[in-house]
C-alpha atoms as a PDB file:
ATOM      1  CA  UNK A   1      47.569  71.307 104.566  1.00  0.00           C
ATOM      2  CA  UNK A   2      50.269  73.729 104.641  1.00  0.00           C
ATOM      3  CA  UNK A   3      50.421  77.313 106.220  1.00  0.00           C
ATOM      4  CA  UNK A   4      52.623  79.336 103.991  1.00  0.00           C
ATOM      5  CA  UNK A   5      53.853  82.473 104.156  1.00  0.00           C
ATOM      6  CA  UNK A   6      55.255  84.405 101.407  1.00  0.00           C
ATOM      7  CA  UNK A   7      55.313  87.590  98.755  1.00  0.00           C
ATOM      8  CA  UNK A   8      52.274  88.267  97.127  1.00  0.00           C
ATOM      9  CA  UNK A   9      54.306  88.001  93.860  1.00  0.00           C
ATOM     10  CA  UNK A  10      55.112  84.258  94.866  1.00  0.00           C
ATOM     11  CA  UNK A  11      51.452  83.607  96.260  1.00  0.00           C
ATOM     12  CA  UNK A  12      49.858  84.642  92.658  1.00  0.00           C
ATOM     13  CA  UNK A  13      52.351  82.040  90.860  1.00  0.00           C
ATOM     14  CA  UNK A  14      51.308  79.296  93.218  1.00  0.00           C
ATOM     15  CA  UNK A  15      48.087  80.176  93.410  1.00  0.00           C
ATOM     16  CA  UNK A  16      47.636  78.787  89.487  1.00  0.00           C
ATOM     17  CA  UNK A  17      47.667  75.111  90.819  1.00  0.00           C
ATOM     18  CA  UNK A  18      44.220  74.415  91.236  1.00  0.00           C
ATOM     19  CA  UNK A  19      43.691  70.872  90.891  1.00  0.00           C
ATOM     20  CA  UNK A  20      43.127  68.805  93.960  1.00  0.00           C
ATOM     21  CA  UNK A  21      44.117  71.691  96.070  1.00  0.00           C
ATOM     22  CA  UNK A  22      41.840  74.673  98.410  1.00  0.00           C
ATOM     23  CA  UNK A  23      43.290  77.726  99.063  1.00  0.00           C
ATOM     24  CA  UNK A  24      42.351  80.128 101.906  1.00  0.00           C
ATOM     25  CA  UNK A  25      44.204  83.267 102.285  1.00  0.00           C
ATOM     26  CA  UNK A  26      44.531  86.185 104.839  1.00  0.00           C
ATOM     27  CA  UNK A  27      43.022  89.166 103.454  1.00  0.00           C
ATOM     28  CA  UNK A  28      44.413  92.892 104.014  1.00  0.00           C
ATOM     29  CA  UNK A  29      40.656  93.717 104.268  1.00  0.00           C
ATOM     30  CA  UNK A  30      40.285  91.618 107.678  1.00  0.00           C
ATOM     31  CA  UNK A  31      43.624  92.045 109.696  1.00  0.00           C
ATOM     32  CA  UNK A  32      45.261  95.346 111.108  1.00  0.00           C
ATOM     33  CA  UNK A  33      48.791  93.812 111.932  1.00  0.00           C
ATOM     34  CA  UNK A  34      51.382  96.125 110.018  1.00  0.00           C
ATOM     35  CA  UNK A  35      52.290  94.993 106.218  1.00  0.00           C
ATOM     36  CA  UNK A  36      55.735  93.212 106.134  1.00  0.00           C
ATOM     37  CA  UNK A  37      57.887  93.381 102.863  1.00  0.00           C
ATOM     38  CA  UNK A  38      59.986  90.879 101.177  1.00  0.00           C
ATOM     39  CA  UNK A  39      63.866  91.892  99.814  1.00  0.00           C
ATOM     40  CA  UNK A  40      65.769  89.314  97.922  1.00  0.00           C
ATOM     41  CA  UNK A  41      69.413  89.077  99.198  1.00  0.00           C
ATOM     42  CA  UNK A  42      70.294  89.705  95.492  1.00  0.00           C
ATOM     43  CA  UNK A  43      68.976  90.910  92.493  1.00  0.00           C
ATOM     44  CA  UNK A  44      69.190  88.596  89.610  1.00  0.00           C
ATOM     45  CA  UNK A  45      69.779  89.619  86.090  1.00  0.00           C
ATOM     46  CA  UNK A  46      67.244  88.790  83.300  1.00  0.00           C
ATOM     47  CA  UNK A  47      67.910  85.457  81.492  1.00  0.00           C
ATOM     48  CA  UNK A  48      69.203  86.011  78.010  1.00  0.00           C
ATOM     49  CA  UNK A  49      67.692  82.743  76.308  1.00  0.00           C
ATOM     50  CA  UNK A  50      64.097  82.873  77.775  1.00  0.00           C
ATOM     51  CA  UNK A  51      61.072  85.427  77.279  1.00  0.00           C
ATOM     52  CA  UNK A  52      60.792  85.585  81.223  1.00  0.00           C
ATOM     53  CA  UNK A  53      62.969  84.506  84.131  1.00  0.00           C
ATOM     54  CA  UNK A  54      66.044  85.303  85.491  1.00  0.00           C
ATOM     55  CA  UNK A  55      69.482  83.939  85.317  1.00  0.00           C
ATOM     56  CA  UNK A  56      72.068  83.303  88.406  1.00  0.00           C
ATOM     57  CA  UNK A  57      73.938  86.309  87.526  1.00  0.00           C
ATOM     58  CA  UNK A  58      73.788  88.921  90.592  1.00  0.00           C
ATOM     59  CA  UNK A  59      72.810  92.291  88.964  1.00  0.00           C
ATOM     60  CA  UNK A  60      74.938  95.240  90.913  1.00  0.00           C
ATOM     61  CA  UNK A  61      72.779  97.944  92.022  1.00  0.00           C
ATOM     62  CA  UNK A  62      74.473 101.664  92.645  1.00  0.00           C
ATOM     63  CA  UNK A  63      75.316 102.579  96.015  1.00  0.00           C
ATOM     64  CA  UNK A  64      72.008 104.775  96.386  1.00  0.00           C
ATOM     65  CA  UNK A  65      69.646 101.772  94.753  1.00  0.00           C
ATOM     66  CA  UNK A  66      69.073 100.171  97.708  1.00  0.00           C
ATOM     67  CA  UNK A  67      68.061 103.163  99.519  1.00  0.00           C
ATOM     68  CA  UNK A  68      65.572 104.642  96.990  1.00  0.00           C
ATOM     69  CA  UNK A  69      63.809 101.233  96.916  1.00  0.00           C
ATOM     70  CA  UNK A  70      63.612 101.474 100.728  1.00  0.00           C
ATOM     71  CA  UNK A  71      62.334 104.936 100.369  1.00  0.00           C
ATOM     72  CA  UNK A  72      59.797 103.645  98.077  1.00  0.00           C
ATOM     73  CA  UNK A  73      58.711 101.072 100.514  1.00  0.00           C
ATOM     74  CA  UNK A  74      58.486 103.167 103.403  1.00  0.00           C
ATOM     75  CA  UNK A  75      56.269 105.738 101.673  1.00  0.00           C
ATOM     76  CA  UNK A  76      53.746 103.149 100.804  1.00  0.00           C
ATOM     77  CA  UNK A  77      53.916 101.772 104.135  1.00  0.00           C
ATOM     78  CA  UNK A  78      53.213 105.264 105.383  1.00  0.00           C
ATOM     79  CA  UNK A  79      50.801 106.048 102.811  1.00  0.00           C
ATOM     80  CA  UNK A  80      48.883 102.928 103.495  1.00  0.00           C
ATOM     81  CA  UNK A  81      48.862 103.748 107.433  1.00  0.00           C
ATOM     82  CA  UNK A  82      47.786 107.254 106.606  1.00  0.00           C
ATOM     83  CA  UNK A  83      44.789 106.196 104.637  1.00  0.00           C
ATOM     84  CA  UNK A  84      44.159 103.972 107.622  1.00  0.00           C
ATOM     85  CA  UNK A  85      44.282 106.310 110.113  1.00  0.00           C
ATOM     86  CA  UNK A  86      42.173 108.790 108.112  1.00  0.00           C
ATOM     87  CA  UNK A  87      39.420 105.951 108.044  1.00  0.00           C
ATOM     88  CA  UNK A  88      39.702 104.725 104.669  1.00  0.00           C
ATOM     89  CA  UNK A  89      38.278 101.108 104.543  1.00  0.00           C
ATOM     90  CA  UNK A  90      41.164  98.713 104.304  1.00  0.00           C
ATOM     91  CA  UNK A  91      40.190  97.102 101.498  1.00  0.00           C
ATOM     92  CA  UNK A  92      40.707 100.143  99.331  1.00  0.00           C
ATOM     93  CA  UNK A  93      43.965 100.902 101.571  1.00  0.00           C
ATOM     94  CA  UNK A  94      45.629  98.008 100.627  1.00  0.00           C
ATOM     95  CA  UNK A  95      45.770  98.669  96.623  1.00  0.00           C
ATOM     96  CA  UNK A  96      48.891 100.573  97.394  1.00  0.00           C
ATOM     97  CA  UNK A  97      51.001  97.972  98.833  1.00  0.00           C
ATOM     98  CA  UNK A  98      53.606  96.626  96.356  1.00  0.00           C
ATOM     99  CA  UNK A  99      53.802  93.030  95.225  1.00  0.00           C
ATOM    100  CA  UNK A 100      56.661  91.902  98.017  1.00  0.00           C
ATOM    101  CA  UNK A 101      54.092  92.643 100.765  1.00  0.00           C
ATOM    102  CA  UNK A 102      53.879  89.236 102.500  1.00  0.00           C
ATOM    103  CA  UNK A 103      50.755  87.225 102.843  1.00  0.00           C
ATOM    104  CA  UNK A 104      49.849  84.135 104.226  1.00  0.00           C
ATOM    105  CA  UNK A 105      47.368  81.136 103.458  1.00  0.00           C
ATOM    106  CA  UNK A 106      46.243  77.805 104.363  1.00  0.00           C
ATOM    107  CA  UNK A 107      46.822  75.669 101.252  1.00  0.00           C
ATOM    108  CA  UNK A 108      45.148  72.137 101.486  1.00  0.00           C
ATOM    109  CA  UNK A 109      45.166  69.348  99.132  1.00  0.00           C
ATOM    110  CA  UNK A 110      45.956  66.019  98.334  1.00  0.00           C
ATOM    111  CA  UNK A 111      49.272  64.316  98.364  1.00  0.00           C
ATOM    112  CA  UNK A 112      49.696  63.935  94.715  1.00  0.00           C
ATOM    113  CA  UNK A 113      48.522  68.042  93.769  1.00  0.00           C
ATOM    114  CA  UNK A 114      51.063  68.767  96.687  1.00  0.00           C
ATOM    115  CA  UNK A 115      53.684  66.670  94.783  1.00  0.00           C
ATOM    116  CA  UNK A 116      52.794  67.920  91.425  1.00  0.00           C
ATOM    117  CA  UNK A 117      53.589  71.451  92.985  1.00  0.00           C
ATOM    118  CA  UNK A 118      56.967  70.288  93.858  1.00  0.00           C
ATOM    119  CA  UNK A 119      57.636  68.731  90.384  1.00  0.00           C
ATOM    120  CA  UNK A 120      56.667  72.120  88.707  1.00  0.00           C
ATOM    121  CA  UNK A 121      57.664  74.659  90.948  1.00  0.00           C
ATOM    122  CA  UNK A 122      61.318  72.982  91.846  1.00  0.00           C
ATOM    123  CA  UNK A 123      62.379  72.919  88.421  1.00  0.00           C
ATOM    124  CA  UNK A 124      65.386  75.014  87.279  1.00  0.00           C
ATOM    125  CA  UNK A 125      63.127  77.106  84.893  1.00  0.00           C
ATOM    126  CA  UNK A 126      60.757  78.181  87.870  1.00  0.00           C
ATOM    127  CA  UNK A 127      61.054  81.354  89.878  1.00  0.00           C
ATOM    128  CA  UNK A 128      64.067  81.394  92.531  1.00  0.00           C
ATOM    129  CA  UNK A 129      61.440  82.607  95.158  1.00  0.00           C
ATOM    130  CA  UNK A 130      58.544  80.221  94.204  1.00  0.00           C
ATOM    131  CA  UNK A 131      60.606  77.316  94.207  1.00  0.00           C
ATOM    132  CA  UNK A 132      62.030  78.208  97.748  1.00  0.00           C
ATOM    133  CA  UNK A 133      58.262  77.589  98.972  1.00  0.00           C
ATOM    134  CA  UNK A 134      58.092  74.010  96.704  1.00  0.00           C
ATOM    135  CA  UNK A 135      61.221  73.298  98.547  1.00  0.00           C
ATOM    136  CA  UNK A 136      59.760  73.585 101.954  1.00  0.00           C
ATOM    137  CA  UNK A 137      56.674  71.598 100.911  1.00  0.00           C
ATOM    138  CA  UNK A 138      58.930  69.014  99.549  1.00  0.00           C
ATOM    139  CA  UNK A 139      60.937  68.841 103.002  1.00  0.00           C
ATOM    140  CA  UNK A 140      57.502  68.054 104.581  1.00  0.00           C
ATOM    141  CA  UNK A 141      56.403  65.741 101.835  1.00  0.00           C
ATOM    142  CA  UNK A 142      59.714  63.589 102.000  1.00  0.00           C
ATOM    143  CA  UNK A 143      59.578  63.547 105.970  1.00  0.00           C
ATOM    144  CA  UNK A 144      55.880  62.607 106.324  1.00  0.00           C
ATOM    145  CA  UNK A 145      55.452  60.142 103.197  1.00  0.00           C
ATOM    146  CA  UNK A 146      58.704  59.448 102.013  1.00  0.00           C
ATOM    147  CA  UNK A 147      57.552  56.259 100.029  1.00  0.00           C
ATOM    148  CA  UNK A 148      54.803  57.733  98.461  1.00  0.00           C
ATOM    149  CA  UNK A 149      56.058  61.326  98.121  1.00  0.00           C
ATOM    150  CA  UNK A 150      59.312  59.621  96.016  1.00  0.00           C
ATOM    151  CA  UNK A 151      56.905  57.393  93.880  1.00  0.00           C
ATOM    152  CA  UNK A 152      55.152  60.391  92.995  1.00  0.00           C
ATOM    153  CA  UNK A 153      58.238  62.615  92.077  1.00  0.00           C
ATOM    154  CA  UNK A 154      59.625  59.884  89.838  1.00  0.00           C
ATOM    155  CA  UNK A 155      56.829  59.217  87.855  1.00  0.00           C
ATOM    156  CA  UNK A 156      56.284  60.678  84.182  1.00  0.00           C
END
């Protein structure tokens, strides 16, 4: 069982793994904590050789780009808080929050299921941010079940 905190766009990629796993996500319908947002340290370029995905090449943003990105997120957060303060139900107010809003979930499952997640999501073709979560899971599997994890990750 893992408690994971990641941006919504990462959670939606990982949520596709269903066999042998159960997912219980915190809902903004029921929490009143201030939303948190994820920001990458660098912005990656689109990969040339695939339909989707990114390369390791960093995109150089104009000096004003980070400012308007932050302003956009701040405006979304202000609108969300305004709607809540005006009495709008949280299940509707949350719809204006962006995909980089952080979410949390409890992920329960078998060792084999988590090994499959690790194997697929630590692959070089996986999204970087999703791979970070998978590497975190692998770290714990390696420490708790080193023999089984090694066997599950080397088996094809």
